[in-house]
């Protein structure tokens, strides 16, 4: 894991220090919870509109690596703290995608087998 060794907690802006604390104490256990904490400021930091930020909070696996790193950097968090939350949220979506893929593959195989048997 990366060390943000040159980030001094005293130099973190109060709004981002508050967000840091919320991540560390477990209050932010879903990315969408960030919507309640300076959303306009965070959206500006990430160079996106409020609407885009809101959409990404609903589907956090769509945040880019850059977005995660800049949020981690300004809050003094290890990026893995943010990544872990995003990964946990993505599991059900990923599992559904894999299930859908396997079902399609099964149907293709079945159709192929039926064609050969005809």
N, C-alpha and C. Protein backbone atom coordinates (compact mmCIF):
# COMPACT_ATOMS: atom_id res chain seq x y z
N UNK A 1 0.83 -1.19 0.00
CA UNK A 1 0.00 0.00 0.00
C UNK A 1 0.87 1.25 0.00
N UNK A 2 0.35 2.26 -0.62
CA UNK A 2 1.08 3.51 -0.73
C UNK A 2 1.06 4.27 0.59
N UNK A 3 2.14 4.92 0.86
CA UNK A 3 2.21 5.80 2.04
C UNK A 3 2.15 7.22 1.55
N UNK A 4 1.25 8.00 2.07
CA UNK A 4 1.18 9.40 1.73
C UNK A 4 1.99 10.14 2.80
N UNK A 5 3.27 9.86 2.84
CA UNK A 5 4.13 10.33 3.92
C UNK A 5 4.25 11.85 4.00
N UNK A 6 4.04 12.55 2.90
CA UNK A 6 4.21 13.99 2.95
C UNK A 6 2.88 14.73 3.18
N UNK A 7 1.82 13.99 3.51
CA UNK A 7 0.54 14.62 3.81
C UNK A 7 0.45 14.80 5.32
N UNK A 8 0.40 16.05 5.73
CA UNK A 8 0.32 16.39 7.13
C UNK A 8 -1.16 16.59 7.48
N UNK A 9 -1.66 15.85 8.45
CA UNK A 9 -3.08 15.93 8.83
C UNK A 9 -3.49 17.36 9.19
N UNK A 10 -2.55 18.14 9.69
CA UNK A 10 -2.87 19.52 10.07
C UNK A 10 -3.08 20.41 8.84
N UNK A 11 -2.55 19.99 7.68
CA UNK A 11 -2.67 20.79 6.47
C UNK A 11 -3.89 20.41 5.62
N UNK A 12 -4.61 19.40 6.03
CA UNK A 12 -5.79 18.99 5.29
C UNK A 12 -6.91 19.98 5.56
N UNK A 13 -7.55 20.45 4.49
CA UNK A 13 -8.67 21.38 4.66
C UNK A 13 -9.72 20.76 5.56
N UNK A 14 -10.38 21.57 6.39
CA UNK A 14 -11.37 21.03 7.32
C UNK A 14 -12.44 20.14 6.68
N UNK A 15 -12.95 20.52 5.51
CA UNK A 15 -13.98 19.71 4.85
C UNK A 15 -13.44 18.32 4.50
N UNK A 16 -12.19 18.28 4.04
CA UNK A 16 -11.60 17.00 3.66
C UNK A 16 -11.11 16.22 4.89
N UNK A 17 -10.75 16.94 5.94
CA UNK A 17 -10.39 16.27 7.20
C UNK A 17 -11.62 15.56 7.77
N UNK A 18 -12.78 16.19 7.64
CA UNK A 18 -14.02 15.57 8.12
C UNK A 18 -14.34 14.31 7.32
N UNK A 19 -14.16 14.40 6.00
CA UNK A 19 -14.40 13.22 5.16
C UNK A 19 -13.43 12.11 5.52
N UNK A 20 -12.18 12.47 5.77
CA UNK A 20 -11.17 11.49 6.18
C UNK A 20 -11.61 10.75 7.43
N UNK A 21 -12.06 11.52 8.42
CA UNK A 21 -12.52 10.92 9.68
C UNK A 21 -13.69 9.97 9.47
N UNK A 22 -14.60 10.36 8.59
CA UNK A 22 -15.77 9.52 8.31
C UNK A 22 -15.39 8.21 7.65
N UNK A 23 -14.39 8.24 6.79
CA UNK A 23 -13.88 7.00 6.20
C UNK A 23 -13.24 6.14 7.29
N UNK A 24 -12.41 6.76 8.10
CA UNK A 24 -11.65 6.00 9.10
C UNK A 24 -12.51 5.42 10.21
N UNK A 25 -13.59 6.12 10.57
CA UNK A 25 -14.43 5.58 11.66
C UNK A 25 -15.53 4.65 11.15
N UNK A 26 -15.57 4.44 9.82
CA UNK A 26 -16.53 3.50 9.26
C UNK A 26 -17.88 4.09 8.91
N UNK A 27 -18.06 5.39 9.14
CA UNK A 27 -19.32 6.02 8.77
C UNK A 27 -19.56 5.92 7.28
N UNK A 28 -18.51 6.13 6.51
CA UNK A 28 -18.59 5.97 5.05
C UNK A 28 -18.28 4.51 4.75
N UNK A 29 -19.33 3.72 4.65
CA UNK A 29 -19.16 2.30 4.31
C UNK A 29 -19.76 2.01 2.93
N UNK A 30 -20.33 3.02 2.33
CA UNK A 30 -20.81 3.01 0.94
C UNK A 30 -20.43 4.37 0.38
N UNK A 31 -19.97 4.39 -0.84
CA UNK A 31 -19.53 5.66 -1.42
C UNK A 31 -20.66 6.68 -1.51
N UNK A 32 -21.89 6.21 -1.68
CA UNK A 32 -23.00 7.16 -1.82
C UNK A 32 -23.17 8.02 -0.57
N UNK A 33 -22.71 7.55 0.56
CA UNK A 33 -22.83 8.35 1.78
C UNK A 33 -22.04 9.66 1.70
N UNK A 34 -21.11 9.74 0.76
CA UNK A 34 -20.35 10.98 0.57
C UNK A 34 -21.24 12.13 0.08
N UNK A 35 -22.41 11.82 -0.44
CA UNK A 35 -23.30 12.84 -0.98
C UNK A 35 -23.69 13.86 0.09
N UNK A 36 -23.64 13.47 1.34
CA UNK A 36 -24.03 14.35 2.44
C UNK A 36 -22.88 15.24 2.94
N UNK A 37 -21.70 15.08 2.39
CA UNK A 37 -20.54 15.79 2.91
C UNK A 37 -19.83 16.58 1.82
N UNK A 38 -20.17 17.85 1.70
CA UNK A 38 -19.56 18.77 0.75
C UNK A 38 -19.53 18.23 -0.68
N UNK A 39 -20.67 17.80 -1.21
CA UNK A 39 -20.65 17.18 -2.54
C UNK A 39 -20.18 18.12 -3.65
N UNK A 40 -20.54 19.39 -3.57
CA UNK A 40 -20.12 20.32 -4.62
C UNK A 40 -18.62 20.50 -4.61
N UNK A 41 -18.06 20.59 -3.42
CA UNK A 41 -16.61 20.77 -3.28
C UNK A 41 -15.86 19.53 -3.79
N UNK A 42 -16.35 18.36 -3.43
CA UNK A 42 -15.70 17.12 -3.87
C UNK A 42 -15.83 16.98 -5.39
N UNK A 43 -17.01 17.30 -5.93
CA UNK A 43 -17.19 17.23 -7.39
C UNK A 43 -16.21 18.16 -8.10
N UNK A 44 -16.03 19.37 -7.56
CA UNK A 44 -15.07 20.31 -8.17
C UNK A 44 -13.66 19.74 -8.10
N UNK A 45 -13.31 19.16 -6.97
CA UNK A 45 -11.99 18.55 -6.81
C UNK A 45 -11.76 17.49 -7.89
N UNK A 46 -12.78 16.70 -8.17
CA UNK A 46 -12.68 15.62 -9.13
C UNK A 46 -12.92 16.08 -10.57
N UNK A 47 -13.08 17.38 -10.75
CA UNK A 47 -13.30 17.98 -12.07
C UNK A 47 -14.50 17.39 -12.79
N UNK A 48 -15.60 17.29 -12.06
CA UNK A 48 -16.83 16.79 -12.66
C UNK A 48 -18.01 17.59 -12.17
N UNK A 49 -19.09 17.52 -12.90
CA UNK A 49 -20.30 18.22 -12.47
C UNK A 49 -20.90 17.49 -11.27
N UNK A 50 -21.76 18.19 -10.58
CA UNK A 50 -22.46 17.58 -9.44
C UNK A 50 -23.23 16.36 -9.92
N UNK A 51 -23.88 16.46 -11.08
CA UNK A 51 -24.68 15.37 -11.62
C UNK A 51 -23.81 14.14 -11.87
N UNK A 52 -22.66 14.33 -12.50
CA UNK A 52 -21.75 13.22 -12.77
C UNK A 52 -21.24 12.61 -11.47
N UNK A 53 -20.91 13.46 -10.51
CA UNK A 53 -20.45 12.98 -9.20
C UNK A 53 -21.54 12.12 -8.56
N UNK A 54 -22.75 12.61 -8.60
CA UNK A 54 -23.88 11.88 -8.02
C UNK A 54 -24.04 10.51 -8.69
N UNK A 55 -23.94 10.48 -10.01
CA UNK A 55 -24.05 9.22 -10.75
C UNK A 55 -22.95 8.25 -10.37
N UNK A 56 -21.74 8.76 -10.22
CA UNK A 56 -20.62 7.89 -9.87
C UNK A 56 -20.74 7.37 -8.43
N UNK A 57 -21.32 8.16 -7.55
CA UNK A 57 -21.54 7.69 -6.19
C UNK A 57 -22.54 6.53 -6.18
N UNK A 58 -23.49 6.56 -7.11
CA UNK A 58 -24.46 5.47 -7.21
C UNK A 58 -23.83 4.20 -7.79
N UNK A 59 -22.83 4.37 -8.64
CA UNK A 59 -22.11 3.25 -9.25
C UNK A 59 -20.61 3.53 -9.10
N UNK A 60 -20.08 3.41 -7.89
CA UNK A 60 -18.72 3.88 -7.60
C UNK A 60 -17.61 3.17 -8.36
N UNK A 61 -17.88 2.00 -8.91
CA UNK A 61 -16.85 1.32 -9.71
C UNK A 61 -16.56 2.10 -10.99
N UNK A 62 -17.36 3.13 -11.27
CA UNK A 62 -17.12 3.96 -12.45
C UNK A 62 -16.17 5.13 -12.17
N UNK A 63 -15.79 5.33 -10.90
CA UNK A 63 -14.76 6.32 -10.61
C UNK A 63 -13.46 5.85 -11.24
N UNK A 64 -12.70 6.76 -11.81
CA UNK A 64 -11.41 6.39 -12.39
C UNK A 64 -10.38 6.25 -11.27
N UNK A 65 -9.28 5.63 -11.61
CA UNK A 65 -8.17 5.52 -10.66
C UNK A 65 -7.72 6.91 -10.24
N UNK A 66 -7.68 7.83 -11.19
CA UNK A 66 -7.30 9.21 -10.88
C UNK A 66 -8.22 9.80 -9.81
N UNK A 67 -9.53 9.62 -9.96
CA UNK A 67 -10.48 10.17 -8.99
C UNK A 67 -10.23 9.60 -7.60
N UNK A 68 -10.00 8.31 -7.53
CA UNK A 68 -9.75 7.67 -6.24
C UNK A 68 -8.45 8.20 -5.63
N UNK A 69 -7.42 8.31 -6.46
CA UNK A 69 -6.13 8.78 -5.96
C UNK A 69 -6.19 10.23 -5.50
N UNK A 70 -6.87 11.09 -6.23
CA UNK A 70 -6.92 12.49 -5.82
C UNK A 70 -7.73 12.66 -4.54
N UNK A 71 -8.83 11.90 -4.42
CA UNK A 71 -9.62 11.96 -3.17
C UNK A 71 -8.79 11.44 -2.00
N UNK A 72 -8.06 10.36 -2.23
CA UNK A 72 -7.20 9.81 -1.19
C UNK A 72 -6.10 10.80 -0.81
N UNK A 73 -5.52 11.41 -1.81
CA UNK A 73 -4.41 12.34 -1.57
C UNK A 73 -4.84 13.55 -0.75
N UNK A 74 -5.97 14.15 -1.13
CA UNK A 74 -6.39 15.38 -0.45
C UNK A 74 -6.91 15.10 0.97
N UNK A 75 -7.37 13.87 1.20
CA UNK A 75 -7.85 13.52 2.54
C UNK A 75 -6.77 12.85 3.38
N UNK A 76 -5.64 12.52 2.76
CA UNK A 76 -4.56 11.86 3.49
C UNK A 76 -4.85 10.40 3.78
N UNK A 77 -5.77 9.81 3.01
CA UNK A 77 -6.11 8.40 3.18
C UNK A 77 -5.27 7.52 2.26
N UNK A 78 -5.08 6.30 2.66
CA UNK A 78 -4.51 5.31 1.77
C UNK A 78 -5.59 5.02 0.73
N UNK A 79 -5.27 5.03 -0.55
CA UNK A 79 -6.28 4.76 -1.58
C UNK A 79 -7.00 3.42 -1.38
N UNK A 80 -6.34 2.50 -0.72
CA UNK A 80 -6.96 1.18 -0.50
C UNK A 80 -8.19 1.27 0.40
N UNK A 81 -8.26 2.27 1.25
CA UNK A 81 -9.44 2.47 2.09
C UNK A 81 -10.65 2.71 1.19
N UNK A 82 -10.48 3.56 0.20
CA UNK A 82 -11.56 3.89 -0.74
C UNK A 82 -11.82 2.70 -1.67
N UNK A 83 -10.75 2.11 -2.18
CA UNK A 83 -10.90 0.96 -3.08
C UNK A 83 -11.66 -0.19 -2.41
N UNK A 84 -11.40 -0.43 -1.16
CA UNK A 84 -12.06 -1.53 -0.45
C UNK A 84 -13.57 -1.31 -0.42
N UNK A 85 -13.99 -0.09 -0.15
CA UNK A 85 -15.42 0.22 -0.11
C UNK A 85 -16.03 0.01 -1.50
N UNK A 86 -15.35 0.50 -2.52
CA UNK A 86 -15.85 0.35 -3.89
C UNK A 86 -15.93 -1.13 -4.28
N UNK A 87 -14.92 -1.89 -3.94
CA UNK A 87 -14.91 -3.31 -4.27
C UNK A 87 -16.06 -4.05 -3.59
N UNK A 88 -16.31 -3.73 -2.33
CA UNK A 88 -17.41 -4.38 -1.62
C UNK A 88 -18.75 -4.06 -2.27
N UNK A 89 -18.91 -2.81 -2.71
CA UNK A 89 -20.15 -2.42 -3.38
C UNK A 89 -20.29 -3.09 -4.74
N UNK A 90 -19.20 -3.30 -5.41
CA UNK A 90 -19.22 -3.85 -6.76
C UNK A 90 -19.48 -5.36 -6.80
N UNK A 91 -19.25 -6.06 -5.70
CA UNK A 91 -19.38 -7.52 -5.71
C UNK A 91 -20.71 -8.01 -6.28
N UNK A 92 -21.82 -7.47 -5.82
CA UNK A 92 -23.11 -7.98 -6.29
C UNK A 92 -23.30 -7.70 -7.78
N UNK A 93 -22.84 -6.55 -8.24
CA UNK A 93 -22.95 -6.21 -9.66
C UNK A 93 -22.07 -7.15 -10.49
N UNK A 94 -20.85 -7.38 -10.00
CA UNK A 94 -19.93 -8.28 -10.72
C UNK A 94 -20.49 -9.69 -10.75
N UNK A 95 -21.01 -10.15 -9.62
CA UNK A 95 -21.57 -11.49 -9.55
C UNK A 95 -22.75 -11.65 -10.52
N UNK A 96 -23.58 -10.63 -10.63
CA UNK A 96 -24.71 -10.67 -11.57
C UNK A 96 -24.19 -10.73 -13.00
N UNK A 97 -23.18 -9.93 -13.31
CA UNK A 97 -22.59 -9.95 -14.65
C UNK A 97 -22.02 -11.31 -15.01
N UNK A 98 -21.35 -11.94 -14.06
CA UNK A 98 -20.77 -13.27 -14.28
C UNK A 98 -21.88 -14.30 -14.46
N UNK A 99 -22.91 -14.19 -13.64
CA UNK A 99 -24.05 -15.12 -13.75
C UNK A 99 -24.71 -14.98 -15.12
N UNK A 100 -24.93 -13.74 -15.56
CA UNK A 100 -25.54 -13.50 -16.88
C UNK A 100 -24.66 -14.07 -18.00
N UNK A 101 -23.36 -13.85 -17.89
CA UNK A 101 -22.42 -14.38 -18.88
C UNK A 101 -22.50 -15.91 -18.95
N UNK A 102 -22.47 -16.55 -17.79
CA UNK A 102 -22.52 -18.02 -17.76
C UNK A 102 -23.82 -18.55 -18.34
N UNK A 103 -24.92 -17.86 -18.06
CA UNK A 103 -26.22 -18.27 -18.60
C UNK A 103 -26.22 -18.15 -20.13
N UNK A 104 -25.67 -17.06 -20.65
CA UNK A 104 -25.59 -16.90 -22.11
C UNK A 104 -24.72 -17.98 -22.73
N UNK A 105 -23.60 -18.27 -22.09
CA UNK A 105 -22.70 -19.32 -22.60
C UNK A 105 -23.39 -20.68 -22.58
N UNK A 106 -24.15 -20.95 -21.53
CA UNK A 106 -24.87 -22.22 -21.43
C UNK A 106 -25.89 -22.33 -22.56
N UNK A 107 -26.62 -21.24 -22.81
CA UNK A 107 -27.62 -21.25 -23.88
C UNK A 107 -26.98 -21.42 -25.25
N UNK A 108 -25.83 -20.77 -25.47
CA UNK A 108 -25.12 -20.92 -26.74
C UNK A 108 -24.66 -22.36 -26.95
N UNK A 109 -24.15 -22.94 -25.89
CA UNK A 109 -23.68 -24.31 -25.97
C UNK A 109 -24.85 -25.26 -26.23
N UNK A 110 -25.94 -24.99 -25.54
CA UNK A 110 -27.15 -25.80 -25.71
C UNK A 110 -27.67 -25.69 -27.15
N UNK A 111 -27.71 -24.48 -27.68
CA UNK A 111 -28.18 -24.27 -29.04
C UNK A 111 -27.25 -24.94 -30.05
N UNK A 112 -25.96 -24.88 -29.78
CA UNK A 112 -24.98 -25.52 -30.64
C UNK A 112 -25.14 -27.03 -30.63
N UNK A 113 -25.37 -27.57 -29.46
CA UNK A 113 -25.57 -29.01 -29.30
C UNK A 113 -26.84 -29.46 -30.00
N UNK A 114 -27.89 -28.68 -29.89
CA UNK A 114 -29.17 -29.01 -30.53
C UNK A 114 -29.05 -28.97 -32.05
N UNK A 115 -28.24 -28.03 -32.59
CA UNK A 115 -28.04 -27.94 -34.03
C UNK A 115 -27.32 -29.17 -34.55
N UNK A 116 -26.30 -29.61 -33.81
CA UNK A 116 -25.52 -30.77 -34.22
C UNK A 116 -26.37 -32.04 -34.18
N UNK A 117 -27.29 -32.09 -33.21
CA UNK A 117 -28.15 -33.27 -33.04
C UNK A 117 -29.27 -33.33 -34.06
N UNK A 118 -29.55 -32.22 -34.74
CA UNK A 118 -30.66 -32.19 -35.71
C UNK A 118 -30.32 -32.83 -37.02
